[in-house]
Protein backbone atom coordinates (compact mmCIF):
# COMPACT_ATOMS: atom_id res chain seq x y z
CA MET A 1 149.08 28.68 109.53
CA ILE A 2 149.76 25.76 107.87
CA VAL A 3 150.03 26.71 103.75
CA ASN A 4 151.02 23.67 101.22
CA TRP A 5 153.92 25.97 99.67
CA PRO A 6 154.90 24.85 95.76
CA GLU A 7 158.05 23.22 95.14
CA LEU A 8 160.26 25.82 93.03
CA SER A 9 163.47 24.44 91.62
CA GLY A 10 166.62 27.34 92.02
CA GLU A 11 166.27 27.17 88.26
CA GLN A 12 162.61 28.49 88.46
CA ILE A 13 163.51 31.18 91.30
CA GLU A 14 166.34 32.23 89.28
CA ASN A 15 164.16 32.64 86.34
CA LYS A 16 160.93 33.84 88.14
CA ALA A 17 163.81 36.64 89.61
CA ALA A 18 165.33 37.73 85.96
CA GLU A 19 161.61 38.24 84.74
CA PHE A 20 160.53 40.25 87.52
CA ARG A 21 163.86 42.36 87.83
CA GLN A 22 163.91 42.72 84.18
CA GLN A 23 160.17 43.73 84.01
CA ALA A 24 160.46 46.47 87.45
CA LEU A 25 163.88 48.06 85.89
CA ALA A 26 161.77 48.71 82.71
CA ALA A 27 158.80 50.23 84.64
CA LEU A 28 161.50 52.51 86.17
CA ASP A 29 163.49 53.63 83.21
CA SER A 30 166.30 52.14 84.78
CA LYS A 31 169.35 50.83 83.65
CA ALA A 32 170.69 47.55 84.99
CA ALA A 33 174.57 48.81 84.56
CA SER A 34 174.85 49.04 88.36
CA ALA A 35 173.11 48.27 92.04
CA VAL A 36 169.82 46.99 91.47
CA PRO A 37 167.45 49.53 92.99
CA VAL A 38 165.33 47.57 95.68
CA GLU A 39 164.33 50.62 97.41
CA GLN A 40 162.71 51.58 94.53
CA ILE A 41 162.10 48.83 93.27
CA ALA A 42 160.33 48.20 96.22
CA GLU A 43 158.37 51.68 96.84
CA HIS A 44 157.69 52.70 93.30
CA TYR A 45 157.05 49.73 91.64
CA LEU A 46 155.30 47.76 94.41
CA GLY A 47 153.77 50.41 95.84
CA TYR A 48 155.07 49.49 99.48
CA GLU A 49 156.33 52.05 101.95
CA LEU A 50 159.72 51.09 104.05
CA GLU A 51 158.92 50.76 107.89
CA PHE A 52 161.32 51.48 110.43
CA VAL A 53 160.56 50.00 113.74
CA GLU A 54 163.96 50.20 116.29
CA ASP A 55 161.96 47.85 119.10
CA ASN A 56 160.16 44.33 118.73
CA SER A 57 156.84 45.44 118.47
CA SER A 58 155.96 44.99 115.28
CA LEU A 59 159.16 42.03 114.50
CA PRO A 60 160.30 39.71 117.00
CA GLY A 61 163.88 39.37 118.54
CA ASP A 62 165.78 37.41 115.61
CA VAL A 63 163.80 38.81 112.59
CA ILE A 64 164.83 41.70 110.97
CA GLY A 65 162.27 41.99 108.13
CA GLY A 66 158.96 41.24 107.01
CA ILE A 67 155.83 42.41 105.09
CA ASP A 68 152.72 43.52 105.99
CA PHE A 69 150.29 42.65 102.65
CA ASP A 70 147.27 44.31 104.18
CA SER A 71 149.18 47.75 105.35
CA ASN A 72 151.40 47.52 101.79
CA SER A 73 154.40 47.88 103.68
CA ILE A 74 157.89 46.23 104.72
CA ILE A 75 158.95 46.44 108.19
CA ILE A 76 162.78 46.24 108.87
CA ASN A 77 163.95 46.49 111.66
CA ALA A 78 166.86 50.09 111.43
CA ALA A 79 169.48 48.70 113.58
CA ILE A 80 170.70 47.37 109.63
CA GLU A 81 169.92 50.24 107.98
CA SER A 82 173.59 51.48 107.91
CA HIS A 83 174.68 47.80 106.82
CA ILE A 84 174.08 48.45 103.20
CA GLY A 85 174.58 44.65 102.60
CA ARG A 86 172.10 43.29 105.27
CA TYR A 87 169.23 45.98 104.25
CA SER A 88 169.05 46.03 100.71
CA PHE A 89 169.42 42.33 100.72
CA THR A 90 166.20 42.04 103.07
CA ILE A 91 164.53 44.03 101.12
CA ALA A 92 164.48 41.88 98.05
CA HIS A 93 163.94 38.99 100.71
CA GLU A 94 160.65 40.55 101.13
CA ILE A 95 160.18 41.64 97.56
CA ALA A 96 160.52 38.29 96.84
CA HIS A 97 157.98 37.05 99.40
CA HIS A 98 155.41 39.21 97.26
CA VAL A 99 156.24 37.86 94.16
CA LEU A 100 156.10 33.83 94.96
CA HIS A 101 154.01 33.66 98.09
CA ARG A 102 151.70 36.95 98.77
CA ASP A 103 148.32 35.25 96.62
CA ILE A 104 149.53 32.14 98.60
CA PHE A 105 149.51 33.95 101.94
CA LEU A 106 146.34 35.80 101.30
CA LYS A 107 144.37 32.75 100.82
CA ALA A 108 145.23 30.31 103.24
CA ARG A 109 145.70 32.74 106.17
CA SER A 110 143.90 33.35 109.36
CA GLY A 111 143.91 36.91 110.58
CA GLU A 112 147.17 37.42 110.15
CA SER A 113 148.99 39.88 107.47
CA ILE A 114 152.71 40.22 108.06
CA MET A 115 154.71 37.40 106.55
CA CYS A 116 158.11 36.88 108.26
CA ARG A 117 159.80 34.11 110.45
CA GLY A 118 163.35 33.61 111.82
CA GLY A 119 165.25 31.92 114.50
CA GLU A 120 166.83 28.46 113.62
CA GLN A 121 164.43 26.44 111.74
CA ARG A 122 164.23 28.18 108.42
CA PRO A 123 161.28 27.02 106.25
CA ILE A 124 160.73 26.35 102.62
CA GLU A 125 158.82 30.26 101.77
CA GLU A 126 162.46 31.17 103.85
CA PHE A 127 164.88 29.64 101.64
CA GLN A 128 162.70 30.46 98.93
CA ALA A 129 162.43 33.74 99.11
CA ASP A 130 166.60 33.67 100.13
CA ARG A 131 167.38 32.16 96.79
CA PHE A 132 165.14 35.20 94.67
CA ALA A 133 166.96 37.70 96.68
CA GLU A 134 170.39 36.91 95.79
CA ALA A 135 169.47 36.14 92.08
CA LEU A 136 167.34 39.71 91.83
CA LEU A 137 170.31 41.63 93.27
CA MET A 138 173.01 39.53 91.54
CA PRO A 139 171.85 38.87 88.04
CA ALA A 140 173.34 35.74 86.68
CA ASP A 141 175.12 36.59 83.58
CA LEU A 142 176.75 39.76 85.00
CA ILE A 143 178.26 38.01 87.66
CA ARG A 144 179.42 34.82 85.58
CA GLN A 145 180.65 37.68 83.25
CA HIS A 146 182.55 39.69 85.61
CA TYR A 147 184.12 36.46 87.30
CA ARG A 148 185.65 35.54 83.71
CA LYS A 149 187.38 38.51 84.20
CA VAL A 150 188.10 38.09 87.45
CA LYS A 151 190.16 34.93 87.24
CA THR A 152 191.02 35.67 84.15
CA ARG A 153 193.84 38.85 85.67
CA ASN A 154 194.29 36.34 88.35
CA ILE A 155 195.02 33.37 87.03
CA PHE A 156 198.68 32.97 88.90
CA LYS A 157 197.04 33.49 91.91
CA ARG A 158 195.66 31.98 94.34
CA THR A 159 192.38 33.85 95.32
CA ASN A 160 190.48 32.65 98.61
CA GLN A 161 186.21 32.97 98.53
CA LEU A 162 186.24 36.06 100.32
CA THR A 163 189.00 37.84 98.35
CA LEU A 164 187.00 36.11 95.25
CA ALA A 165 183.85 37.79 96.25
CA ALA A 166 184.74 41.14 96.66
CA LYS A 167 186.87 41.44 93.71
CA VAL A 168 183.59 40.30 91.48
CA ILE A 169 181.50 43.23 93.94
CA GLN A 170 184.13 45.69 92.73
CA SER A 171 184.10 44.39 89.08
CA THR A 172 180.52 44.67 88.22
CA GLY A 173 179.57 47.65 90.54
CA LEU A 174 176.98 46.14 92.89
CA ASP A 175 177.95 48.11 95.66
CA ASN A 176 174.51 46.87 97.83
CA VAL A 177 175.50 43.26 98.18
CA SER A 178 177.79 41.99 101.52
CA VAL A 179 180.40 39.99 100.27
CA SER A 180 179.28 37.32 102.28
CA ALA A 181 176.45 36.99 99.99
CA MET A 182 178.43 36.92 97.02
CA VAL A 183 179.69 33.82 98.17
CA VAL A 184 177.04 32.28 98.73
CA ARG A 185 175.77 33.43 95.40
CA LEU A 186 178.91 32.01 93.36
CA ASN A 187 178.60 28.88 95.13
CA HIS A 188 175.03 28.47 93.35
CA LEU A 189 176.11 29.41 90.30
CA GLY A 190 179.04 26.66 90.33
CA LEU A 191 181.66 29.00 90.12
CA SER A 192 183.63 28.31 93.57
CA ALA A 193 182.67 24.54 95.56
CA LYS A 194 184.10 25.38 98.95
CA LYS A 195 181.03 23.96 100.46
CA PRO A 196 181.65 23.81 104.80
CA PHE A 197 182.62 27.49 103.69
CA TYR A 198 179.56 28.42 102.36
CA ASN A 199 177.30 27.09 104.26
CA LEU A 200 178.97 29.04 107.40
CA LEU A 201 178.50 31.96 105.09
CA TYR A 202 175.35 31.41 104.13
CA ARG A 203 174.19 30.86 108.01
CA LEU A 204 176.09 33.66 109.10
CA PHE A 205 174.16 36.47 105.66
CA ARG A 206 171.04 35.06 105.90
CA ARG A 207 168.18 36.77 107.38
């Protein structure tokens, strides 16, 4: 299936994620003072069922998540359920496909109902979903605020990216994101700038 996905800038995706998060939390009467409840958003706000699979019957071997628009289900490889950071990011990534791509996918499809993609070749819609997921899970204003706090407390101490990311997670209370995902987030927000290391982590933590 060939789809002409829209070109979206990082800023556009950030804005869409922020607006969606605000609407979802308001509808769920949930406070944004802690980890963003992506499970509740998926199930109770969007109406998706989380379906865990043990084998490759629903997902290709190199894919850990997918979204079925016909059955209103988010399919998750059961192997990642205990890895809270990867698990939360996968749900957020599938939520991103609902927000950014669902209508386009359903209009263009020729029989397909499940949207998923794995392997080394990452198409534009997957990069967009990754960016939306990180913005949904790690609100920009909150990250900037706590980054400044962490840097102020460690102003005379050199801190590597992983340690810095871990400190930001602890300070924000966003305990459902991984350290590697936070490193990527800090880079996207211009708060850290070691590109080769960032690119390696991006390849490791992405879906």
